[in-house]
Amino acid sequence: MRLERSLPLLGLLLCAVGTTAQQGEFLVEISGTTVTITCPFEGEGIQWAWSGRTEVTNERKLIIRDHDSTPANLSCSLGKENRQLYLNARVCANCEELDALTVAGIMAADLLITLGVLILVYYCSKGRRGRASGAGDSRPRGQKMQRPPPVPNPDYEPIRKGQREVYAGLAARGF
C-alpha cells in the first residue's frame, strides 16, 4: 500500500531530475562544413576554448566555419562553471540536406510506383491464367482419359470382383 502512494512522488522526482539534466547539454548543428555549437550557460562573458585557442564572446553560440572533421575537445565556461564537449562531427562540402517533407514525398512516390507495377502485373497476367503453354508438355489434356498401360507381371494385377484365387495364399497366419 505504501508503494502505491510513493509512485507519483517518484515520477515527479524523475521528471525534475530529467529537466535539470537537460539544462546542461550542448546543442550542435551541422550544415555543410559549418558547425554551430550552443553553450548551455546563459549570460555575458562566455569563454570558449578549443584546440589551444581561447575566445571570449557575449554569445552562447560558437560558429566553426570550414571544419575539417577532425575530433576536438571544446569547453564552455562562464565564471567558475565549466562544461566540456568532445566534438567528432563528420562534415561534407558537397552533401545535400533533406528535410522531412522531401523524404516523406520520396517514400510516398516509391510506394505509389510499386503499387502501380503490382496492379499492371496483375491485370497483364489475369488473361493468361487459362492458357496452356505449348512448349513444355505434349500430352493432350482435358476430358480425354486414357487407360494406363497393362501391368507386365500378372502377380501384381488388381483384384477383380469374384476373382480371389490369385491372392488366396496371403491370408493372415497365427503365430
Protein backbone atom coordinates (compact mmCIF):
# COMPACT_ATOMS: atom_id res chain seq x y z
CA MET A 1 0.00 0.00 0.00
CA ARG A 2 2.85 2.40 0.78
CA LEU A 3 4.41 1.69 -2.63
CA GLU A 4 1.26 2.88 -4.39
CA ARG A 5 1.45 6.21 -2.54
CA SER A 6 5.12 6.76 -3.33
CA LEU A 7 4.89 6.07 -7.10
CA PRO A 8 3.54 9.54 -8.05
CA LEU A 9 6.26 11.14 -5.91
CA LEU A 10 8.91 9.01 -7.65
CA GLY A 11 7.57 10.02 -11.07
CA LEU A 12 7.65 13.69 -10.12
CA LEU A 13 11.21 13.33 -8.84
CA LEU A 14 12.34 11.64 -12.09
CA CYS A 15 10.77 14.44 -14.16
CA ALA A 16 12.56 17.07 -12.09
CA VAL A 17 15.91 15.29 -12.45
CA GLY A 18 15.34 14.91 -16.20
CA THR A 19 14.72 18.62 -16.70
CA THR A 20 17.79 19.62 -14.70
CA ALA A 21 19.93 17.21 -16.70
CA GLN A 22 18.70 18.69 -19.97
CA GLN A 23 19.69 22.21 -18.94
CA GLY A 24 23.39 21.33 -19.05
CA GLU A 25 23.55 19.97 -22.62
CA PHE A 26 25.19 21.46 -25.68
CA LEU A 27 23.25 21.98 -28.89
CA VAL A 28 25.26 21.08 -32.02
CA GLU A 29 24.07 21.99 -35.52
CA ILE A 30 25.90 20.89 -38.68
CA SER A 31 25.31 22.46 -42.08
CA GLY A 32 27.79 21.72 -44.85
CA THR A 33 31.22 22.39 -43.35
CA THR A 34 29.91 24.83 -40.73
CA VAL A 35 29.42 23.58 -37.16
CA THR A 36 27.43 25.72 -34.71
CA ILE A 37 27.64 24.86 -31.01
CA THR A 38 25.38 26.44 -28.38
CA CYS A 39 26.67 26.64 -24.81
CA PRO A 40 24.26 25.54 -22.04
CA PHE A 41 25.08 28.64 -19.97
CA GLU A 42 23.18 31.90 -20.37
CA GLY A 43 24.76 35.28 -19.79
CA GLU A 44 27.53 37.55 -20.98
CA GLY A 45 31.25 36.79 -20.93
CA ILE A 46 31.10 33.15 -22.05
CA GLN A 47 34.59 31.85 -22.74
CA TRP A 48 35.17 29.17 -25.38
CA ALA A 49 38.38 27.12 -25.55
CA TRP A 50 39.28 24.54 -28.19
CA SER A 51 42.46 23.25 -29.83
CA GLY A 52 44.67 25.66 -27.93
CA ARG A 53 42.56 28.70 -28.82
CA THR A 54 40.55 30.76 -26.36
CA GLU A 55 37.77 33.13 -27.34
CA VAL A 56 35.65 35.33 -25.08
CA THR A 57 32.26 36.21 -26.55
CA ASN A 58 28.98 37.61 -25.41
CA GLU A 59 27.08 35.00 -27.40
CA ARG A 60 26.19 31.46 -26.45
CA LYS A 61 26.92 30.21 -29.97
CA LEU A 62 30.33 29.27 -31.33
CA ILE A 63 30.45 29.03 -35.11
CA ILE A 64 33.27 26.98 -36.63
CA ARG A 65 33.47 27.56 -40.37
CA ASP A 66 35.27 25.13 -42.71
CA HIS A 67 35.54 22.37 -40.11
CA ASP A 68 37.77 19.56 -41.38
CA SER A 69 36.11 16.64 -39.48
CA THR A 70 38.97 16.27 -37.01
CA PRO A 71 37.90 15.49 -33.45
CA ALA A 72 38.22 18.38 -31.00
CA ASN A 73 37.79 19.00 -27.28
CA LEU A 74 35.74 22.13 -26.62
CA SER A 75 34.97 23.80 -23.34
CA CYS A 76 32.46 26.47 -22.49
CA SER A 77 32.81 28.37 -19.24
CA LEU A 78 31.01 31.18 -17.51
CA GLY A 79 32.67 32.36 -14.33
CA LYS A 80 33.63 29.28 -12.32
CA GLU A 81 31.25 26.91 -14.13
CA ASN A 82 32.72 24.86 -16.97
CA ARG A 83 31.24 22.36 -19.43
CA GLN A 84 33.26 20.22 -21.85
CA LEU A 85 32.32 18.65 -25.16
CA TYR A 86 34.14 16.14 -27.34
CA LEU A 87 33.24 17.05 -30.93
CA ASN A 88 33.62 14.31 -33.52
CA ALA A 89 31.46 15.69 -36.32
CA ARG A 90 31.77 14.45 -39.89
CA VAL A 91 31.14 17.25 -42.34
CA CYS A 92 30.76 17.19 -46.11
CA ALA A 93 31.14 20.08 -48.53
CA ASN A 94 29.09 18.52 -51.35
CA CYS A 95 26.30 16.96 -49.27
CA GLU A 96 22.67 17.93 -49.72
CA GLU A 97 20.36 18.40 -46.77
CA LEU A 98 16.90 16.89 -46.97
CA ASP A 99 14.02 17.97 -44.80
CA ALA A 100 11.38 15.56 -43.50
CA LEU A 101 8.79 16.60 -46.11
CA THR A 102 11.13 15.73 -49.00
CA VAL A 103 11.93 12.31 -47.52
CA ALA A 104 8.23 11.61 -46.95
CA GLY A 105 7.48 12.62 -50.56
CA ILE A 106 10.15 10.28 -51.91
CA MET A 107 8.80 7.40 -49.84
CA ALA A 108 5.19 8.06 -50.91
CA ALA A 109 6.21 8.24 -54.58
CA ASP A 110 8.11 4.95 -54.25
CA LEU A 111 5.07 3.24 -52.71
CA LEU A 112 2.77 4.56 -55.45
CA ILE A 113 5.10 3.38 -58.21
CA THR A 114 5.38 -0.06 -56.60
CA LEU A 115 1.60 -0.29 -56.28
CA GLY A 116 1.21 0.71 -59.93
CA VAL A 117 3.63 -2.00 -61.07
CA LEU A 118 1.75 -4.58 -58.96
CA ILE A 119 -1.60 -3.61 -60.50
CA LEU A 120 -0.08 -3.68 -64.00
CA VAL A 121 1.37 -7.17 -63.48
CA TYR A 122 -1.92 -8.39 -62.04
CA TYR A 123 -4.00 -7.23 -64.99
CA CYS A 124 -1.48 -8.42 -67.58
CA SER A 125 -1.30 -11.91 -66.06
CA LYS A 126 -5.07 -12.16 -65.48
CA GLY A 127 -5.83 -13.06 -69.12
CA ARG A 128 -3.13 -15.74 -69.31
CA ARG A 129 -4.46 -17.78 -66.41
CA GLY A 130 -6.46 -20.33 -68.51
CA ARG A 131 -3.98 -20.77 -71.33
CA ALA A 132 -1.76 -23.81 -71.51
CA SER A 133 1.82 -23.39 -72.54
CA GLY A 134 2.67 -25.21 -75.76
CA ALA A 135 6.37 -25.62 -75.16
CA GLY A 136 6.78 -27.93 -72.18
CA ASP A 137 4.02 -30.58 -72.40
CA SER A 138 2.92 -32.50 -75.48
CA ARG A 139 0.30 -34.75 -73.79
CA PRO A 140 -3.33 -34.00 -74.53
CA ARG A 141 -5.16 -32.51 -71.58
CA GLY A 142 -8.78 -32.20 -70.70
CA GLN A 143 -11.61 -34.76 -70.82
CA LYS A 144 -9.73 -37.45 -72.77
CA MET A 145 -8.82 -40.12 -70.25
CA GLN A 146 -6.51 -42.86 -71.47
CA ARG A 147 -6.14 -46.24 -69.83
CA PRO A 148 -2.81 -46.86 -68.19
CA PRO A 149 -0.55 -49.39 -69.88
CA PRO A 150 -1.06 -53.04 -68.90
CA VAL A 151 0.84 -54.37 -65.91
CA PRO A 152 3.72 -56.56 -67.15
CA ASN A 153 3.65 -59.10 -64.30
CA PRO A 154 0.31 -60.87 -63.71
CA ASP A 155 1.11 -61.34 -59.99
CA TYR A 156 0.58 -57.62 -59.48
CA GLU A 157 -2.76 -57.34 -61.23
CA PRO A 158 -5.53 -55.63 -59.28
CA ILE A 159 -8.15 -57.79 -57.58
CA ARG A 160 -11.30 -58.07 -59.63
CA LYS A 161 -14.66 -58.91 -58.12
CA GLY A 162 -15.16 -62.64 -57.79
CA GLN A 163 -11.55 -63.48 -58.56
CA ARG A 164 -9.71 -64.07 -55.29
CA GLU A 165 -7.68 -67.17 -56.10
CA VAL A 166 -4.58 -65.21 -57.10
CA TYR A 167 -4.28 -63.77 -53.59
CA ALA A 168 -5.79 -66.67 -51.63
CA GLY A 169 -2.45 -67.64 -50.06
CA LEU A 170 -1.99 -64.21 -48.45
CA ALA A 171 -4.37 -64.84 -45.53
CA ALA A 172 -3.29 -63.78 -42.07
CA ARG A 173 -1.49 -66.57 -40.21
CA GLY A 174 -1.48 -67.11 -36.48
CA PHE A 175 1.84 -67.47 -34.73
